[in-house]
């Protein structure tokens, strides 16, 4: 990933928050069959690993070996930025369109798990997290499903953990622009419904 120093994101809390807020990762690997990419919800464990599961019918768990490098891409908020939104454009006219975004690249290796215990742990962990976010105390639980039905569904998946080797993150939030430009771009993004991007711009650039 092209990463100018002023856009590099090094704050670990910010990185974890983005992974949590945008858990649908693009998992990419080079295999003997060529590049493969899958879109999979992932969660970061307290031990720093990523956990997820895929369909047993997905050939990914057969194509990727335990010693093979993989890349999980987490795409955060993004938004188009018009040159017309920079107040300094009126002075110099030296502005061009750009795109603001936040992204995290997680490099590591995957251990696929075929045993029932690992599958239940992976499904249970992701289910608890996202059901709690969605439905609170009324969230769906594994115990709500009939045991024979659940057993059949678990047979259809493969769990996995991803051991992380390194993380590269980028927050492209107009850090290279004048304060008045940053302020007005955030205002315009908010008016266009890009509230998260506007909020992230204000927060990040208030720290610089």
N, C-alpha and C. Protein backbone atom coordinates (compact mmCIF):
# COMPACT_ATOMS: atom_id res chain seq x y z
N UNK A 1 0.85 -1.19 0.00
CA UNK A 1 0.00 0.00 0.00
C UNK A 1 0.88 1.24 0.00
N UNK A 2 0.58 2.17 -0.89
CA UNK A 2 1.27 3.46 -0.92
C UNK A 2 0.93 4.21 0.35
N UNK A 3 1.95 4.63 1.10
CA UNK A 3 1.69 5.18 2.43
C UNK A 3 2.60 6.38 2.73
N UNK A 4 2.20 7.59 2.28
CA UNK A 4 2.94 8.78 2.68
C UNK A 4 2.93 8.92 4.19
N UNK A 5 4.01 9.43 4.74
CA UNK A 5 4.17 9.48 6.20
C UNK A 5 3.02 10.22 6.89
N UNK A 6 2.52 11.29 6.25
CA UNK A 6 1.47 12.08 6.91
C UNK A 6 0.11 11.39 6.93
N UNK A 7 -0.03 10.27 6.19
CA UNK A 7 -1.28 9.52 6.21
C UNK A 7 -1.16 8.21 6.99
N UNK A 8 0.01 7.89 7.49
CA UNK A 8 0.19 6.64 8.21
C UNK A 8 -0.54 6.67 9.55
N UNK A 9 -1.30 5.61 9.82
CA UNK A 9 -2.03 5.49 11.09
C UNK A 9 -1.28 4.52 11.99
N UNK A 10 -0.86 5.01 13.15
CA UNK A 10 -0.09 4.16 14.06
C UNK A 10 -0.78 3.96 15.41
N UNK A 11 -1.87 4.68 15.64
CA UNK A 11 -2.56 4.55 16.92
C UNK A 11 -3.29 3.21 16.98
N UNK A 12 -2.89 2.35 17.92
CA UNK A 12 -3.44 1.00 17.98
C UNK A 12 -4.92 0.98 18.33
N UNK A 13 -5.36 1.91 19.15
CA UNK A 13 -6.78 1.97 19.51
C UNK A 13 -7.62 2.33 18.29
N UNK A 14 -7.13 3.28 17.50
CA UNK A 14 -7.83 3.67 16.27
C UNK A 14 -7.93 2.50 15.31
N UNK A 15 -6.85 1.74 15.18
CA UNK A 15 -6.82 0.58 14.29
C UNK A 15 -7.82 -0.48 14.76
N UNK A 16 -7.81 -0.78 16.04
CA UNK A 16 -8.75 -1.77 16.58
C UNK A 16 -10.19 -1.30 16.41
N UNK A 17 -10.43 -0.01 16.62
CA UNK A 17 -11.78 0.52 16.47
C UNK A 17 -12.28 0.38 15.03
N UNK A 18 -11.39 0.60 14.06
CA UNK A 18 -11.80 0.48 12.66
C UNK A 18 -12.13 -0.97 12.33
N UNK A 19 -11.31 -1.90 12.79
CA UNK A 19 -11.58 -3.32 12.55
C UNK A 19 -12.91 -3.72 13.18
N UNK A 20 -13.18 -3.20 14.36
CA UNK A 20 -14.43 -3.52 15.04
C UNK A 20 -15.64 -2.91 14.33
N UNK A 21 -15.48 -1.67 13.87
CA UNK A 21 -16.60 -0.97 13.24
C UNK A 21 -16.87 -1.46 11.82
N UNK A 22 -15.84 -1.98 11.14
CA UNK A 22 -15.98 -2.44 9.75
C UNK A 22 -15.41 -3.86 9.65
N UNK A 23 -16.09 -4.85 10.24
CA UNK A 23 -15.53 -6.20 10.36
C UNK A 23 -15.52 -7.03 9.09
N UNK A 24 -16.22 -6.60 8.04
CA UNK A 24 -16.25 -7.39 6.82
C UNK A 24 -14.94 -7.18 6.06
N UNK A 25 -14.02 -8.11 6.22
CA UNK A 25 -12.70 -7.99 5.63
C UNK A 25 -12.66 -8.63 4.24
N UNK A 26 -11.77 -8.12 3.41
CA UNK A 26 -11.44 -8.79 2.16
C UNK A 26 -10.16 -9.58 2.41
N UNK A 27 -10.28 -10.90 2.36
CA UNK A 27 -9.15 -11.79 2.65
C UNK A 27 -8.54 -12.25 1.33
N UNK A 28 -7.27 -11.90 1.13
CA UNK A 28 -6.60 -12.11 -0.15
C UNK A 28 -5.39 -13.02 0.03
N UNK A 29 -5.21 -13.96 -0.91
CA UNK A 29 -4.04 -14.84 -0.86
C UNK A 29 -3.64 -15.25 -2.28
N UNK A 30 -2.34 -15.42 -2.46
CA UNK A 30 -1.82 -15.96 -3.72
C UNK A 30 -1.71 -17.47 -3.57
N UNK A 31 -2.37 -18.23 -4.44
CA UNK A 31 -2.38 -19.69 -4.35
C UNK A 31 -1.90 -20.29 -5.67
N UNK A 32 -1.82 -21.60 -5.71
CA UNK A 32 -1.44 -22.29 -6.94
C UNK A 32 -2.48 -22.08 -8.03
N UNK A 33 -3.71 -21.73 -7.62
CA UNK A 33 -4.77 -21.43 -8.57
C UNK A 33 -4.83 -19.95 -8.92
N UNK A 34 -3.86 -19.19 -8.46
CA UNK A 34 -3.85 -17.75 -8.67
C UNK A 34 -4.35 -17.00 -7.44
N UNK A 35 -4.61 -15.72 -7.60
CA UNK A 35 -5.12 -14.91 -6.49
C UNK A 35 -6.55 -15.34 -6.13
N UNK A 36 -6.81 -15.44 -4.83
CA UNK A 36 -8.18 -15.68 -4.36
C UNK A 36 -8.52 -14.58 -3.37
N UNK A 37 -9.77 -14.15 -3.40
CA UNK A 37 -10.23 -13.11 -2.48
C UNK A 37 -11.63 -13.47 -2.00
N UNK A 38 -11.82 -13.37 -0.70
CA UNK A 38 -13.13 -13.65 -0.11
C UNK A 38 -13.48 -12.53 0.87
N UNK A 39 -14.76 -12.32 1.05
CA UNK A 39 -15.24 -11.26 1.94
C UNK A 39 -15.84 -11.93 3.17
N UNK A 40 -15.16 -11.75 4.31
CA UNK A 40 -15.47 -12.54 5.51
C UNK A 40 -15.49 -11.64 6.75
N UNK A 41 -16.54 -11.71 7.57
CA UNK A 41 -16.53 -10.97 8.84
C UNK A 41 -15.47 -11.56 9.77
N UNK A 42 -14.65 -10.69 10.34
CA UNK A 42 -13.59 -11.13 11.25
C UNK A 42 -13.64 -10.31 12.52
N UNK A 43 -13.21 -10.94 13.61
CA UNK A 43 -13.10 -10.25 14.90
C UNK A 43 -11.70 -10.41 15.43
N UNK A 44 -11.21 -9.37 16.10
CA UNK A 44 -9.90 -9.45 16.72
C UNK A 44 -10.04 -9.91 18.16
N UNK A 45 -9.34 -10.99 18.51
CA UNK A 45 -9.33 -11.50 19.87
C UNK A 45 -8.45 -10.64 20.76
N UNK A 46 -8.58 -10.84 22.05
CA UNK A 46 -7.73 -10.12 22.99
C UNK A 46 -6.26 -10.49 22.82
N UNK A 47 -6.01 -11.71 22.33
CA UNK A 47 -4.63 -12.15 22.13
C UNK A 47 -4.04 -11.63 20.82
N UNK A 48 -4.82 -10.83 20.09
CA UNK A 48 -4.30 -10.23 18.86
C UNK A 48 -4.54 -11.02 17.61
N UNK A 49 -5.15 -12.20 17.71
CA UNK A 49 -5.47 -12.98 16.51
C UNK A 49 -6.82 -12.54 15.95
N UNK A 50 -7.04 -12.85 14.68
CA UNK A 50 -8.33 -12.63 14.06
C UNK A 50 -9.05 -13.97 13.97
N UNK A 51 -10.35 -13.97 14.21
CA UNK A 51 -11.12 -15.21 14.17
C UNK A 51 -12.26 -15.06 13.18
N UNK A 52 -12.57 -16.16 12.47
CA UNK A 52 -13.65 -16.14 11.52
C UNK A 52 -14.02 -17.56 11.10
N UNK A 53 -14.91 -17.67 10.13
CA UNK A 53 -15.25 -18.98 9.58
C UNK A 53 -15.74 -18.81 8.15
N UNK A 54 -15.60 -19.88 7.38
CA UNK A 54 -16.04 -19.86 5.99
C UNK A 54 -16.87 -21.11 5.72
N UNK A 55 -17.54 -21.12 4.59
CA UNK A 55 -18.29 -22.31 4.19
C UNK A 55 -17.31 -23.44 3.86
N UNK A 56 -17.66 -24.66 4.26
CA UNK A 56 -16.81 -25.80 3.94
C UNK A 56 -16.69 -25.99 2.43
N UNK A 57 -17.69 -25.53 1.70
CA UNK A 57 -17.67 -25.64 0.25
C UNK A 57 -16.73 -24.63 -0.39
N UNK A 58 -16.30 -23.64 0.38
CA UNK A 58 -15.36 -22.62 -0.12
C UNK A 58 -13.97 -23.26 -0.22
N UNK A 59 -13.36 -23.31 -1.40
CA UNK A 59 -12.07 -23.99 -1.55
C UNK A 59 -10.91 -23.26 -0.88
N UNK A 60 -11.17 -22.11 -0.30
CA UNK A 60 -10.08 -21.33 0.30
C UNK A 60 -9.29 -22.14 1.32
N UNK A 61 -10.01 -22.96 2.13
CA UNK A 61 -9.30 -23.69 3.18
C UNK A 61 -8.46 -24.84 2.63
N UNK A 62 -8.65 -25.16 1.36
CA UNK A 62 -7.83 -26.17 0.71
C UNK A 62 -6.68 -25.55 -0.08
N UNK A 63 -6.87 -24.31 -0.52
CA UNK A 63 -5.87 -23.63 -1.34
C UNK A 63 -4.79 -22.94 -0.52
N UNK A 64 -5.16 -22.49 0.68
CA UNK A 64 -4.21 -21.74 1.51
C UNK A 64 -3.55 -22.68 2.51
N UNK A 65 -2.23 -22.72 2.50
CA UNK A 65 -1.47 -23.58 3.40
C UNK A 65 -1.11 -22.83 4.68
N UNK A 66 -0.80 -23.56 5.77
CA UNK A 66 -0.51 -22.91 7.06
C UNK A 66 0.71 -21.97 7.03
N UNK A 67 1.64 -22.21 6.11
CA UNK A 67 2.85 -21.38 6.05
C UNK A 67 2.75 -20.28 4.99
N UNK A 68 1.55 -20.03 4.51
CA UNK A 68 1.35 -19.07 3.43
C UNK A 68 0.90 -17.71 3.96
N UNK A 69 1.47 -16.65 3.43
CA UNK A 69 1.08 -15.30 3.83
C UNK A 69 -0.27 -14.93 3.22
N UNK A 70 -1.10 -14.28 4.02
CA UNK A 70 -2.40 -13.79 3.55
C UNK A 70 -2.57 -12.34 3.99
N UNK A 71 -3.51 -11.68 3.38
CA UNK A 71 -3.77 -10.27 3.68
C UNK A 71 -5.26 -10.07 3.92
N UNK A 72 -5.59 -9.49 5.08
CA UNK A 72 -6.98 -9.12 5.40
C UNK A 72 -7.09 -7.61 5.33
N UNK A 73 -7.98 -7.12 4.48
CA UNK A 73 -8.15 -5.68 4.29
C UNK A 73 -9.47 -5.24 4.92
N UNK A 74 -9.38 -4.29 5.83
CA UNK A 74 -10.56 -3.70 6.46
C UNK A 74 -10.73 -2.28 5.93
N UNK A 75 -11.82 -2.04 5.22
CA UNK A 75 -12.09 -0.74 4.62
C UNK A 75 -13.03 0.05 5.51
N UNK A 76 -12.56 1.20 5.98
CA UNK A 76 -13.39 2.05 6.83
C UNK A 76 -14.21 3.03 6.01
N UNK A 77 -14.50 4.18 6.61
CA UNK A 77 -15.28 5.21 5.93
C UNK A 77 -14.48 5.77 4.75
N UNK A 78 -15.19 6.18 3.71
CA UNK A 78 -14.53 6.82 2.57
C UNK A 78 -15.48 7.85 1.96
N UNK A 79 -14.91 8.83 1.26
CA UNK A 79 -15.75 9.87 0.67
C UNK A 79 -14.96 10.64 -0.38
N UNK A 80 -15.65 11.03 -1.44
CA UNK A 80 -15.08 11.89 -2.48
C UNK A 80 -14.98 13.32 -1.95
N UNK A 81 -13.90 14.00 -2.31
CA UNK A 81 -13.69 15.39 -1.88
C UNK A 81 -13.54 16.27 -3.12
N UNK A 82 -14.43 17.22 -3.27
CA UNK A 82 -14.41 18.14 -4.42
C UNK A 82 -13.43 19.29 -4.19
N UNK A 83 -12.70 19.73 -5.22
CA UNK A 83 -11.83 20.90 -5.09
C UNK A 83 -12.60 22.15 -4.69
N UNK A 84 -13.88 22.19 -5.05
CA UNK A 84 -14.70 23.36 -4.71
C UNK A 84 -14.88 23.55 -3.21
N UNK A 85 -14.56 22.51 -2.44
CA UNK A 85 -14.76 22.59 -0.99
C UNK A 85 -13.57 23.20 -0.26
N UNK A 86 -12.49 23.44 -0.98
CA UNK A 86 -11.31 24.05 -0.36
C UNK A 86 -11.39 25.58 -0.48
N UNK A 87 -11.49 26.30 0.63
CA UNK A 87 -11.50 27.76 0.55
C UNK A 87 -10.27 28.33 -0.14
N UNK A 88 -9.12 27.67 0.01
CA UNK A 88 -7.90 28.19 -0.61
C UNK A 88 -7.94 28.10 -2.14
N UNK A 89 -8.89 27.34 -2.69
CA UNK A 89 -9.03 27.26 -4.15
C UNK A 89 -9.33 28.64 -4.72
N UNK A 90 -10.08 29.45 -3.98
CA UNK A 90 -10.43 30.79 -4.45
C UNK A 90 -9.20 31.67 -4.59
N UNK A 91 -8.14 31.34 -3.87
CA UNK A 91 -6.93 32.15 -3.89
C UNK A 91 -5.96 31.69 -4.97
N UNK A 92 -5.79 30.38 -5.10
CA UNK A 92 -4.75 29.85 -5.99
C UNK A 92 -5.28 29.01 -7.14
N UNK A 93 -6.47 28.45 -6.99
CA UNK A 93 -7.05 27.52 -7.95
C UNK A 93 -6.19 26.27 -8.12
N UNK A 94 -5.29 26.04 -7.18
CA UNK A 94 -4.38 24.89 -7.25
C UNK A 94 -4.86 23.76 -6.34
N UNK A 95 -6.01 23.24 -6.68
CA UNK A 95 -6.58 22.10 -5.96
C UNK A 95 -7.15 21.11 -6.97
N UNK A 96 -7.13 19.85 -6.61
CA UNK A 96 -7.68 18.81 -7.50
C UNK A 96 -8.58 17.89 -6.67
N UNK A 97 -9.44 17.10 -7.34
CA UNK A 97 -10.28 16.16 -6.60
C UNK A 97 -9.43 15.11 -5.89
N UNK A 98 -9.97 14.57 -4.80
CA UNK A 98 -9.30 13.48 -4.09
C UNK A 98 -10.33 12.60 -3.42
N UNK A 99 -9.86 11.59 -2.76
CA UNK A 99 -10.74 10.66 -2.05
C UNK A 99 -10.17 10.44 -0.67
N UNK A 100 -10.95 10.73 0.35
CA UNK A 100 -10.53 10.46 1.73
C UNK A 100 -11.01 9.06 2.14
N UNK A 101 -10.18 8.37 2.91
CA UNK A 101 -10.56 7.02 3.35
C UNK A 101 -9.68 6.56 4.50
N UNK A 102 -10.16 5.50 5.15
CA UNK A 102 -9.39 4.82 6.19
C UNK A 102 -9.36 3.33 5.87
N UNK A 103 -8.20 2.72 6.02
CA UNK A 103 -8.05 1.31 5.68
C UNK A 103 -6.99 0.68 6.58
N UNK A 104 -7.19 -0.59 6.88
CA UNK A 104 -6.22 -1.35 7.67
C UNK A 104 -5.86 -2.62 6.89
N UNK A 105 -4.56 -2.85 6.70
CA UNK A 105 -4.07 -4.07 6.07
C UNK A 105 -3.44 -4.94 7.15
N UNK A 106 -3.99 -6.13 7.34
CA UNK A 106 -3.46 -7.06 8.34
C UNK A 106 -2.79 -8.22 7.60
N UNK A 107 -1.49 -8.39 7.83
CA UNK A 107 -0.73 -9.47 7.21
C UNK A 107 -0.54 -10.60 8.22
N UNK A 108 -0.69 -11.83 7.76
CA UNK A 108 -0.49 -12.94 8.69
C UNK A 108 -0.65 -14.29 8.02
N UNK A 109 -0.88 -15.31 8.85
CA UNK A 109 -1.07 -16.67 8.35
C UNK A 109 -2.28 -17.29 9.03
N UNK A 110 -2.95 -18.16 8.30
CA UNK A 110 -4.22 -18.73 8.75
C UNK A 110 -4.06 -20.18 9.20
N UNK A 111 -4.70 -20.48 10.33
CA UNK A 111 -4.81 -21.86 10.79
C UNK A 111 -6.28 -22.26 10.70
N UNK A 112 -6.60 -23.15 9.77
CA UNK A 112 -7.98 -23.62 9.63
C UNK A 112 -8.26 -24.69 10.67
N UNK A 113 -9.49 -24.66 11.22
CA UNK A 113 -9.88 -25.55 12.30
C UNK A 113 -11.16 -26.29 11.92
N UNK A 114 -11.08 -27.62 11.91
CA UNK A 114 -12.20 -28.44 11.46
C UNK A 114 -12.95 -29.13 12.60
N UNK A 115 -12.46 -28.99 13.83
CA UNK A 115 -13.12 -29.67 14.94
C UNK A 115 -14.32 -28.88 15.43
N UNK A 116 -15.28 -29.60 16.01
CA UNK A 116 -16.55 -28.99 16.44
C UNK A 116 -16.33 -27.91 17.50
N UNK A 117 -15.38 -28.13 18.41
CA UNK A 117 -15.13 -27.17 19.48
C UNK A 117 -14.70 -25.82 18.92
N UNK A 118 -13.80 -25.83 17.95
CA UNK A 118 -13.33 -24.59 17.35
C UNK A 118 -14.43 -23.90 16.56
N UNK A 119 -15.26 -24.68 15.89
CA UNK A 119 -16.36 -24.10 15.12
C UNK A 119 -17.36 -23.41 16.03
N UNK A 120 -17.72 -24.09 17.12
CA UNK A 120 -18.68 -23.51 18.08
C UNK A 120 -18.11 -22.23 18.69
N UNK A 121 -16.81 -22.25 18.99
CA UNK A 121 -16.17 -21.08 19.59
C UNK A 121 -16.19 -19.90 18.63
N UNK A 122 -15.87 -20.15 17.35
CA UNK A 122 -15.84 -19.07 16.36
C UNK A 122 -17.23 -18.51 16.11
N UNK A 123 -18.18 -19.38 15.86
CA UNK A 123 -19.55 -18.94 15.59
C UNK A 123 -20.14 -18.25 16.82
N UNK A 124 -19.89 -18.84 17.99
CA UNK A 124 -20.42 -18.25 19.22
C UNK A 124 -19.86 -16.87 19.49
N UNK A 125 -18.58 -16.69 19.24
CA UNK A 125 -17.94 -15.40 19.49
C UNK A 125 -18.47 -14.32 18.56
N UNK A 126 -18.54 -14.63 17.27
CA UNK A 126 -19.04 -13.64 16.32
C UNK A 126 -20.53 -13.36 16.53
N UNK A 127 -21.28 -14.42 16.80
CA UNK A 127 -22.71 -14.25 17.02
C UNK A 127 -22.99 -13.37 18.23
N UNK A 128 -22.31 -13.63 19.33
CA UNK A 128 -22.52 -12.85 20.54
C UNK A 128 -22.21 -11.38 20.31
N UNK A 129 -21.11 -11.10 19.60
CA UNK A 129 -20.71 -9.73 19.35
C UNK A 129 -21.74 -8.99 18.50
N UNK A 130 -22.11 -9.56 17.38
CA UNK A 130 -22.97 -8.83 16.44
C UNK A 130 -24.44 -8.87 16.83
N UNK A 131 -24.88 -9.92 17.51
CA UNK A 131 -26.25 -9.93 18.01
C UNK A 131 -26.43 -8.93 19.15
N UNK A 132 -25.41 -8.81 19.98
CA UNK A 132 -25.49 -7.83 21.07
C UNK A 132 -25.54 -6.42 20.51
N UNK A 133 -24.73 -6.15 19.49
CA UNK A 133 -24.76 -4.83 18.86
C UNK A 133 -26.13 -4.54 18.24
N UNK A 134 -26.72 -5.59 17.66
CA UNK A 134 -27.96 -5.41 16.91
C UNK A 134 -29.21 -5.47 17.78
N UNK A 135 -29.25 -6.43 18.70
CA UNK A 135 -30.48 -6.69 19.46
C UNK A 135 -30.32 -6.58 20.97
N UNK A 136 -29.11 -6.24 21.44
CA UNK A 136 -28.90 -6.10 22.87
C UNK A 136 -29.14 -7.40 23.61
N UNK A 137 -29.83 -7.31 24.74
CA UNK A 137 -30.09 -8.48 25.58
C UNK A 137 -31.01 -9.50 24.90
N UNK A 138 -31.71 -9.08 23.84
CA UNK A 138 -32.63 -9.99 23.13
C UNK A 138 -31.95 -10.67 21.94
N UNK A 139 -30.65 -10.61 21.88
CA UNK A 139 -29.93 -11.18 20.75
C UNK A 139 -30.08 -12.68 20.64
N UNK A 140 -30.00 -13.17 19.40
CA UNK A 140 -30.08 -14.61 19.13
C UNK A 140 -28.86 -15.31 19.70
N UNK A 141 -29.06 -16.52 20.24
CA UNK A 141 -27.98 -17.32 20.81
C UNK A 141 -27.94 -18.68 20.13
N UNK A 142 -26.79 -19.31 20.17
CA UNK A 142 -26.67 -20.65 19.59
C UNK A 142 -27.67 -21.61 20.22
N UNK A 143 -27.92 -21.42 21.51
CA UNK A 143 -28.84 -22.31 22.22
C UNK A 143 -30.28 -22.17 21.73
N UNK A 144 -30.57 -21.10 20.98
CA UNK A 144 -31.92 -20.91 20.46
C UNK A 144 -32.23 -21.87 19.32
N UNK A 145 -31.22 -22.43 18.69
CA UNK A 145 -31.43 -23.32 17.55
C UNK A 145 -31.52 -24.77 18.02
N UNK A 146 -32.34 -25.60 17.38
CA UNK A 146 -32.39 -27.04 17.72
C UNK A 146 -31.01 -27.66 17.54
N UNK A 147 -30.64 -28.56 18.43
CA UNK A 147 -29.30 -29.12 18.42
C UNK A 147 -28.96 -29.86 17.13
N UNK A 148 -29.92 -30.61 16.59
CA UNK A 148 -29.65 -31.33 15.35
C UNK A 148 -29.45 -30.37 14.18
N UNK A 149 -30.22 -29.30 14.18
CA UNK A 149 -30.08 -28.28 13.13
C UNK A 149 -28.73 -27.58 13.24
N UNK A 150 -28.35 -27.21 14.46
CA UNK A 150 -27.07 -26.54 14.69
C UNK A 150 -25.91 -27.43 14.29
N UNK A 151 -26.00 -28.70 14.64
CA UNK A 151 -24.93 -29.65 14.30
C UNK A 151 -24.75 -29.73 12.78
N UNK A 152 -25.85 -29.74 12.06
CA UNK A 152 -25.79 -29.82 10.60
C UNK A 152 -25.18 -28.55 10.01
N UNK A 153 -25.52 -27.40 10.58
CA UNK A 153 -24.98 -26.14 10.07
C UNK A 153 -23.48 -26.03 10.37
N UNK A 154 -23.06 -26.49 11.53
CA UNK A 154 -21.64 -26.45 11.88
C UNK A 154 -20.82 -27.36 10.97
N UNK A 155 -21.43 -28.43 10.50
CA UNK A 155 -20.74 -29.34 9.59
C UNK A 155 -20.46 -28.67 8.24
N UNK A 156 -21.18 -27.59 7.98
CA UNK A 156 -21.05 -26.90 6.69
C UNK A 156 -20.02 -25.78 6.71
N UNK A 157 -19.30 -25.60 7.83
CA UNK A 157 -18.35 -24.50 7.92
C UNK A 157 -16.97 -25.00 8.36
N UNK A 158 -15.98 -24.14 8.17
CA UNK A 158 -14.62 -24.35 8.67
C UNK A 158 -14.23 -23.09 9.44
N UNK A 159 -13.80 -23.27 10.69
CA UNK A 159 -13.36 -22.14 11.49
C UNK A 159 -11.89 -21.85 11.22
N UNK A 160 -11.45 -20.66 11.57
CA UNK A 160 -10.02 -20.37 11.43
C UNK A 160 -9.61 -19.22 12.34
N UNK A 161 -8.31 -19.21 12.63
CA UNK A 161 -7.67 -18.10 13.31
C UNK A 161 -6.54 -17.59 12.43
N UNK A 162 -6.35 -16.29 12.46
CA UNK A 162 -5.27 -15.68 11.69
C UNK A 162 -4.25 -15.10 12.64
N UNK A 163 -3.05 -15.64 12.61
CA UNK A 163 -1.95 -15.10 13.39
C UNK A 163 -1.39 -13.88 12.66
N UNK A 164 -1.33 -12.76 13.35
CA UNK A 164 -0.93 -11.51 12.72
C UNK A 164 0.59 -11.32 12.78
N UNK A 165 1.17 -11.02 11.61
CA UNK A 165 2.59 -10.72 11.53
C UNK A 165 2.86 -9.22 11.59
N UNK A 166 2.03 -8.46 10.89
CA UNK A 166 2.18 -7.01 10.91
C UNK A 166 0.89 -6.35 10.45
N UNK A 167 0.73 -5.09 10.86
CA UNK A 167 -0.44 -4.31 10.49
C UNK A 167 0.02 -2.99 9.90
N UNK A 168 -0.54 -2.64 8.75
CA UNK A 168 -0.26 -1.35 8.11
C UNK A 168 -1.60 -0.64 7.96
N UNK A 169 -1.69 0.58 8.47
CA UNK A 169 -2.96 1.31 8.45
C UNK A 169 -2.77 2.70 7.88
N UNK A 170 -3.82 3.18 7.23
CA UNK A 170 -3.77 4.49 6.57
C UNK A 170 -5.04 5.27 6.87
N UNK A 171 -4.86 6.51 7.31
CA UNK A 171 -5.98 7.42 7.52
C UNK A 171 -5.73 8.64 6.64
N UNK A 172 -6.34 8.66 5.48
CA UNK A 172 -6.17 9.78 4.54
C UNK A 172 -7.31 10.76 4.79
N UNK A 173 -7.03 11.78 5.61
CA UNK A 173 -8.06 12.67 6.12
C UNK A 173 -7.71 14.14 5.92
N UNK A 174 -7.07 14.43 4.79
CA UNK A 174 -6.70 15.81 4.45
C UNK A 174 -5.66 16.42 5.39
N UNK A 175 -4.83 15.55 6.03
CA UNK A 175 -3.80 16.07 6.93
C UNK A 175 -2.82 17.01 6.24
N UNK A 176 -2.72 16.89 4.92
CA UNK A 176 -1.77 17.71 4.16
C UNK A 176 -2.38 19.02 3.66
N UNK A 177 -3.56 19.35 4.15
CA UNK A 177 -4.24 20.57 3.70
C UNK A 177 -4.23 21.64 4.80
N UNK A 178 -4.55 22.86 4.39
CA UNK A 178 -4.62 23.98 5.33
C UNK A 178 -5.79 23.79 6.29
N UNK A 179 -5.69 24.31 7.52
CA UNK A 179 -6.75 24.14 8.51
C UNK A 179 -8.13 24.56 8.02
N UNK A 180 -8.20 25.68 7.28
CA UNK A 180 -9.50 26.15 6.80
C UNK A 180 -10.08 25.21 5.74
N UNK A 181 -9.20 24.56 4.98
CA UNK A 181 -9.66 23.58 4.00
C UNK A 181 -10.21 22.35 4.70
N UNK A 182 -9.51 21.87 5.70
CA UNK A 182 -9.94 20.70 6.45
C UNK A 182 -11.30 20.96 7.11
N UNK A 183 -11.44 22.12 7.71
CA UNK A 183 -12.69 22.47 8.40
C UNK A 183 -13.87 22.50 7.44
N UNK A 184 -13.66 23.10 6.27
CA UNK A 184 -14.78 23.22 5.33
C UNK A 184 -15.09 21.89 4.65
N UNK A 185 -14.08 21.09 4.35
CA UNK A 185 -14.33 19.77 3.77
C UNK A 185 -15.15 18.92 4.73
N UNK A 186 -14.79 18.95 6.01
CA UNK A 186 -15.55 18.20 7.01
C UNK A 186 -17.00 18.68 7.05
N UNK A 187 -17.18 19.98 6.96
CA UNK A 187 -18.54 20.55 6.97
C UNK A 187 -19.33 20.07 5.75
N UNK A 188 -18.70 20.10 4.58
CA UNK A 188 -19.39 19.69 3.36
C UNK A 188 -19.69 18.19 3.37
N UNK A 189 -18.77 17.40 3.87
CA UNK A 189 -19.01 15.96 3.95
C UNK A 189 -20.20 15.66 4.87
N UNK A 190 -20.28 16.39 5.97
CA UNK A 190 -21.39 16.22 6.88
C UNK A 190 -22.71 16.55 6.20
N UNK A 191 -22.71 17.62 5.41
CA UNK A 191 -23.92 18.02 4.69
C UNK A 191 -24.32 16.98 3.64
N UNK A 192 -23.35 16.24 3.14
CA UNK A 192 -23.61 15.22 2.13
C UNK A 192 -23.83 13.84 2.75
N UNK A 193 -23.98 13.79 4.07
CA UNK A 193 -24.32 12.54 4.74
C UNK A 193 -23.15 11.67 5.16
N UNK A 194 -21.92 12.14 4.91
CA UNK A 194 -20.73 11.37 5.28
C UNK A 194 -20.31 11.75 6.70
N UNK A 195 -21.16 11.46 7.66
CA UNK A 195 -20.95 11.92 9.03
C UNK A 195 -19.71 11.29 9.68
N UNK A 196 -19.51 10.00 9.45
CA UNK A 196 -18.35 9.35 10.08
C UNK A 196 -17.05 9.94 9.55
N UNK A 197 -16.96 10.13 8.24
CA UNK A 197 -15.75 10.70 7.67
C UNK A 197 -15.52 12.11 8.20
N UNK A 198 -16.58 12.90 8.27
CA UNK A 198 -16.45 14.27 8.80
C UNK A 198 -15.97 14.25 10.24
N UNK A 199 -16.53 13.36 11.03
CA UNK A 199 -16.13 13.25 12.44
C UNK A 199 -14.68 12.81 12.58
N UNK A 200 -14.26 11.84 11.76
CA UNK A 200 -12.89 11.36 11.81
C UNK A 200 -11.91 12.45 11.39
N UNK A 201 -12.27 13.25 10.40
CA UNK A 201 -11.41 14.36 9.98
C UNK A 201 -11.22 15.36 11.09
N UNK A 202 -12.31 15.73 11.76
CA UNK A 202 -12.23 16.70 12.83
C UNK A 202 -11.38 16.16 13.98
N UNK A 203 -11.61 14.91 14.35
CA UNK A 203 -10.88 14.32 15.46
C UNK A 203 -9.40 14.18 15.14
N UNK A 204 -9.08 13.63 13.98
CA UNK A 204 -7.68 13.41 13.61
C UNK A 204 -6.91 14.72 13.48
N UNK A 205 -7.50 15.68 12.81
CA UNK A 205 -6.77 16.92 12.56
C UNK A 205 -6.74 17.86 13.75
N UNK A 206 -7.60 17.62 14.74
CA UNK A 206 -7.51 18.39 15.98
C UNK A 206 -6.35 17.92 16.82
N UNK A 207 -5.87 16.67 16.55
CA UNK A 207 -4.74 16.12 17.29
C UNK A 207 -3.39 16.54 16.71
N UNK A 208 -3.40 17.01 15.45
CA UNK A 208 -2.14 17.33 14.76
C UNK A 208 -1.67 18.75 15.09
